[in-house]
């Protein structure tokens, strides 16, 4: 018999903002997986602001955080994410 576990997590609301036409971003991603099924990736992102707006910050929405033990403690095999450089 299958069961479903539901948990509400309090988070600040994320509202993405669009990028005005004329701005651009280029991504270079290197992804590897070892023999244990662990992934490692390197990402270089070049973002050009061609608008007249000043940008005070950039927001990267990183979805794999949902699979960590602190966010989803009911997972049998949660993921671990380590950032080395931003």
N, C-alpha and C. Protein backbone atom coordinates (compact mmCIF):
# COMPACT_ATOMS: atom_id res chain seq x y z
N UNK A 1 0.84 -1.18 0.00
CA UNK A 1 0.00 0.00 0.00
C UNK A 1 0.89 1.24 0.00
N UNK A 2 0.62 2.18 -0.91
CA UNK A 2 1.41 3.40 -0.99
C UNK A 2 0.83 4.46 -0.07
N UNK A 3 1.71 5.29 0.47
CA UNK A 3 1.26 6.41 1.28
C UNK A 3 1.93 7.67 0.79
N UNK A 4 1.30 8.79 1.03
CA UNK A 4 1.83 10.07 0.61
C UNK A 4 2.10 10.91 1.84
N UNK A 5 3.28 11.52 1.89
CA UNK A 5 3.65 12.40 2.99
C UNK A 5 3.64 13.82 2.47
N UNK A 6 2.92 14.67 3.14
CA UNK A 6 2.85 16.07 2.75
C UNK A 6 3.36 16.92 3.89
N UNK A 7 4.22 17.88 3.56
CA UNK A 7 4.77 18.75 4.58
C UNK A 7 4.76 20.17 4.05
N UNK A 8 4.25 21.09 4.84
CA UNK A 8 4.27 22.49 4.46
C UNK A 8 5.53 23.12 5.03
N UNK A 9 6.24 23.84 4.19
CA UNK A 9 7.47 24.50 4.60
C UNK A 9 7.29 25.99 4.41
N UNK A 10 7.59 26.75 5.43
CA UNK A 10 7.47 28.20 5.35
C UNK A 10 8.68 28.76 4.60
N UNK A 11 8.44 29.48 3.54
CA UNK A 11 9.51 30.08 2.75
C UNK A 11 9.08 31.47 2.31
N UNK A 12 10.06 32.31 2.08
CA UNK A 12 9.74 33.60 1.49
C UNK A 12 9.25 33.36 0.06
N UNK A 13 8.29 34.14 -0.34
CA UNK A 13 7.75 33.98 -1.69
C UNK A 13 8.77 34.43 -2.73
N UNK A 14 9.00 33.60 -3.73
CA UNK A 14 9.92 33.92 -4.82
C UNK A 14 9.12 34.45 -5.99
N UNK A 15 9.43 35.64 -6.43
CA UNK A 15 8.78 36.22 -7.60
C UNK A 15 9.88 36.58 -8.59
N UNK A 16 9.89 35.87 -9.71
CA UNK A 16 10.91 36.15 -10.71
C UNK A 16 10.51 37.37 -11.53
N UNK A 17 11.51 38.06 -12.02
CA UNK A 17 11.28 39.22 -12.87
C UNK A 17 11.85 38.92 -14.23
N UNK A 18 11.15 39.31 -15.25
CA UNK A 18 11.61 39.07 -16.61
C UNK A 18 12.80 39.93 -16.96
N UNK A 19 13.48 39.54 -18.00
CA UNK A 19 14.62 40.29 -18.50
C UNK A 19 14.15 41.08 -19.71
N UNK A 20 14.44 42.37 -19.70
CA UNK A 20 14.02 43.23 -20.81
C UNK A 20 14.67 42.78 -22.11
N UNK A 21 13.97 42.93 -23.23
CA UNK A 21 14.54 42.56 -24.52
C UNK A 21 15.87 43.30 -24.74
N UNK A 22 16.81 42.60 -25.33
CA UNK A 22 18.12 43.21 -25.59
C UNK A 22 19.17 42.75 -24.60
N UNK A 23 18.76 42.26 -23.44
CA UNK A 23 19.72 41.70 -22.49
C UNK A 23 19.96 40.25 -22.88
N UNK A 24 21.11 39.73 -22.50
CA UNK A 24 21.39 38.36 -22.90
C UNK A 24 22.19 37.64 -21.82
N UNK A 25 22.13 36.32 -21.87
CA UNK A 25 22.95 35.50 -20.99
C UNK A 25 23.40 34.27 -21.77
N UNK A 26 24.64 33.89 -21.52
CA UNK A 26 25.22 32.71 -22.14
C UNK A 26 25.72 31.79 -21.03
N UNK A 27 25.45 30.49 -21.15
CA UNK A 27 25.84 29.52 -20.14
C UNK A 27 26.77 28.49 -20.76
N UNK A 28 27.82 28.17 -20.04
CA UNK A 28 28.72 27.09 -20.42
C UNK A 28 28.71 26.12 -19.24
N UNK A 29 28.17 24.90 -19.44
CA UNK A 29 27.99 23.95 -18.35
C UNK A 29 28.79 22.68 -18.65
N UNK A 30 29.58 22.26 -17.67
CA UNK A 30 30.31 20.99 -17.75
C UNK A 30 29.76 20.09 -16.65
N UNK A 31 29.17 18.96 -17.01
CA UNK A 31 28.53 18.05 -16.07
C UNK A 31 29.18 16.67 -16.19
N UNK A 32 29.60 16.13 -15.05
CA UNK A 32 30.17 14.79 -15.03
C UNK A 32 29.51 13.98 -13.92
N UNK A 33 29.48 12.65 -14.10
CA UNK A 33 28.96 11.75 -13.08
C UNK A 33 30.01 10.68 -12.81
N UNK A 34 30.31 10.44 -11.52
CA UNK A 34 31.29 9.41 -11.19
C UNK A 34 30.61 8.04 -11.11
N UNK A 35 31.38 7.00 -10.81
CA UNK A 35 30.86 5.63 -10.79
C UNK A 35 29.88 5.38 -9.65
N UNK A 36 29.83 6.27 -8.65
CA UNK A 36 28.88 6.14 -7.54
C UNK A 36 27.57 6.89 -7.81
N UNK A 37 27.47 7.52 -8.98
CA UNK A 37 26.26 8.26 -9.32
C UNK A 37 26.25 9.69 -8.80
N UNK A 38 27.41 10.19 -8.35
CA UNK A 38 27.50 11.58 -7.89
C UNK A 38 27.80 12.50 -9.05
N UNK A 39 27.11 13.61 -9.08
CA UNK A 39 27.31 14.58 -10.15
C UNK A 39 28.20 15.72 -9.69
N UNK A 40 28.96 16.24 -10.61
CA UNK A 40 29.74 17.45 -10.38
C UNK A 40 29.57 18.31 -11.60
N UNK A 41 29.35 19.60 -11.37
CA UNK A 41 29.27 20.46 -12.54
C UNK A 41 29.95 21.79 -12.29
N UNK A 42 30.40 22.35 -13.39
CA UNK A 42 30.96 23.69 -13.40
C UNK A 42 30.12 24.50 -14.36
N UNK A 43 29.79 25.71 -13.95
CA UNK A 43 28.96 26.57 -14.77
C UNK A 43 29.59 27.94 -14.87
N UNK A 44 29.70 28.42 -16.06
CA UNK A 44 30.12 29.80 -16.28
C UNK A 44 28.95 30.51 -16.95
N UNK A 45 28.58 31.64 -16.39
CA UNK A 45 27.44 32.40 -16.92
C UNK A 45 27.90 33.82 -17.21
N UNK A 46 27.71 34.26 -18.43
CA UNK A 46 28.03 35.62 -18.83
C UNK A 46 26.71 36.33 -19.09
N UNK A 47 26.44 37.36 -18.30
CA UNK A 47 25.18 38.10 -18.42
C UNK A 47 25.49 39.53 -18.84
N UNK A 48 24.84 39.97 -19.89
CA UNK A 48 25.05 41.33 -20.40
C UNK A 48 23.80 42.16 -20.15
N UNK A 49 23.96 43.26 -19.45
CA UNK A 49 22.88 44.20 -19.23
C UNK A 49 23.00 45.29 -20.29
N UNK A 50 22.17 45.20 -21.30
CA UNK A 50 22.18 46.18 -22.38
C UNK A 50 21.08 47.22 -22.22
N UNK A 51 20.38 47.16 -21.10
CA UNK A 51 19.29 48.09 -20.84
C UNK A 51 19.83 49.35 -20.17
N UNK A 52 18.95 50.28 -19.92
CA UNK A 52 19.32 51.50 -19.19
C UNK A 52 19.10 51.32 -17.69
N UNK A 53 18.61 50.15 -17.27
CA UNK A 53 18.37 49.86 -15.86
C UNK A 53 19.67 49.46 -15.17
N UNK A 54 19.84 49.93 -13.92
CA UNK A 54 20.95 49.46 -13.10
C UNK A 54 20.51 48.20 -12.37
N UNK A 55 21.35 47.20 -12.35
CA UNK A 55 21.04 45.96 -11.63
C UNK A 55 21.84 45.95 -10.34
N UNK A 56 21.15 45.77 -9.23
CA UNK A 56 21.82 45.69 -7.94
C UNK A 56 22.10 44.25 -7.54
N UNK A 57 21.40 43.30 -8.13
CA UNK A 57 21.60 41.90 -7.79
C UNK A 57 21.14 40.99 -8.93
N UNK A 58 21.64 39.77 -8.90
CA UNK A 58 21.18 38.71 -9.80
C UNK A 58 20.67 37.59 -8.91
N UNK A 59 19.60 36.93 -9.33
CA UNK A 59 19.05 35.82 -8.57
C UNK A 59 19.14 34.56 -9.42
N UNK A 60 19.74 33.51 -8.84
CA UNK A 60 19.79 32.22 -9.49
C UNK A 60 18.85 31.30 -8.72
N UNK A 61 17.90 30.73 -9.40
CA UNK A 61 16.91 29.83 -8.79
C UNK A 61 17.44 28.41 -8.94
N UNK A 62 17.82 27.81 -7.83
CA UNK A 62 18.48 26.52 -7.85
C UNK A 62 17.53 25.45 -7.33
N UNK A 63 16.93 24.68 -8.21
CA UNK A 63 15.88 23.73 -7.87
C UNK A 63 16.34 22.54 -7.02
N UNK A 64 17.56 21.97 -7.20
CA UNK A 64 17.92 20.79 -6.40
C UNK A 64 17.89 20.98 -4.89
N UNK A 65 17.81 22.20 -4.39
CA UNK A 65 17.70 22.41 -2.94
C UNK A 65 16.48 21.69 -2.35
N UNK A 66 15.45 21.43 -3.13
CA UNK A 66 14.24 20.76 -2.64
C UNK A 66 14.55 19.33 -2.21
N UNK A 67 15.62 18.75 -2.71
CA UNK A 67 15.94 17.36 -2.42
C UNK A 67 16.92 17.20 -1.25
N UNK A 68 17.17 18.26 -0.48
CA UNK A 68 18.08 18.18 0.66
C UNK A 68 17.34 17.76 1.92
N UNK A 69 18.04 17.26 2.90
CA UNK A 69 17.47 16.77 4.16
C UNK A 69 16.77 17.89 4.93
N UNK A 70 17.32 19.11 4.91
CA UNK A 70 16.71 20.20 5.67
C UNK A 70 15.37 20.64 5.09
N UNK A 71 15.18 20.50 3.79
CA UNK A 71 13.92 20.92 3.16
C UNK A 71 12.93 19.76 3.09
N UNK A 72 13.43 18.55 2.82
CA UNK A 72 12.58 17.37 2.67
C UNK A 72 13.09 16.23 3.56
N UNK A 73 12.89 16.31 4.89
CA UNK A 73 13.45 15.32 5.80
C UNK A 73 12.89 13.90 5.61
N UNK A 74 11.77 13.77 4.91
CA UNK A 74 11.18 12.45 4.71
C UNK A 74 11.86 11.64 3.60
N UNK A 75 12.77 12.26 2.84
CA UNK A 75 13.45 11.55 1.76
C UNK A 75 14.36 10.46 2.31
N UNK A 76 14.31 9.30 1.68
CA UNK A 76 15.17 8.19 2.10
C UNK A 76 16.63 8.44 1.72
N UNK A 77 16.84 9.02 0.55
CA UNK A 77 18.20 9.32 0.06
C UNK A 77 18.28 10.77 -0.38
N UNK A 78 18.36 11.71 0.57
CA UNK A 78 18.41 13.12 0.17
C UNK A 78 19.73 13.46 -0.51
N UNK A 79 19.73 14.54 -1.24
CA UNK A 79 20.94 14.97 -1.93
C UNK A 79 21.75 15.90 -1.03
N UNK A 80 22.97 16.09 -1.41
CA UNK A 80 23.85 17.05 -0.75
C UNK A 80 24.37 17.96 -1.84
N UNK A 81 24.34 19.25 -1.58
CA UNK A 81 24.81 20.22 -2.55
C UNK A 81 25.90 21.06 -1.89
N UNK A 82 27.04 21.15 -2.55
CA UNK A 82 28.14 21.97 -2.05
C UNK A 82 28.53 22.98 -3.10
N UNK A 83 28.56 24.24 -2.72
CA UNK A 83 29.03 25.30 -3.60
C UNK A 83 30.46 25.61 -3.22
N UNK A 84 31.33 25.71 -4.22
CA UNK A 84 32.74 25.99 -3.95
C UNK A 84 33.12 27.41 -4.33
N UNK A 85 32.40 28.00 -5.28
CA UNK A 85 32.77 29.33 -5.74
C UNK A 85 31.59 29.92 -6.50
N UNK A 86 31.27 31.16 -6.17
CA UNK A 86 30.23 31.86 -6.92
C UNK A 86 30.78 33.23 -7.29
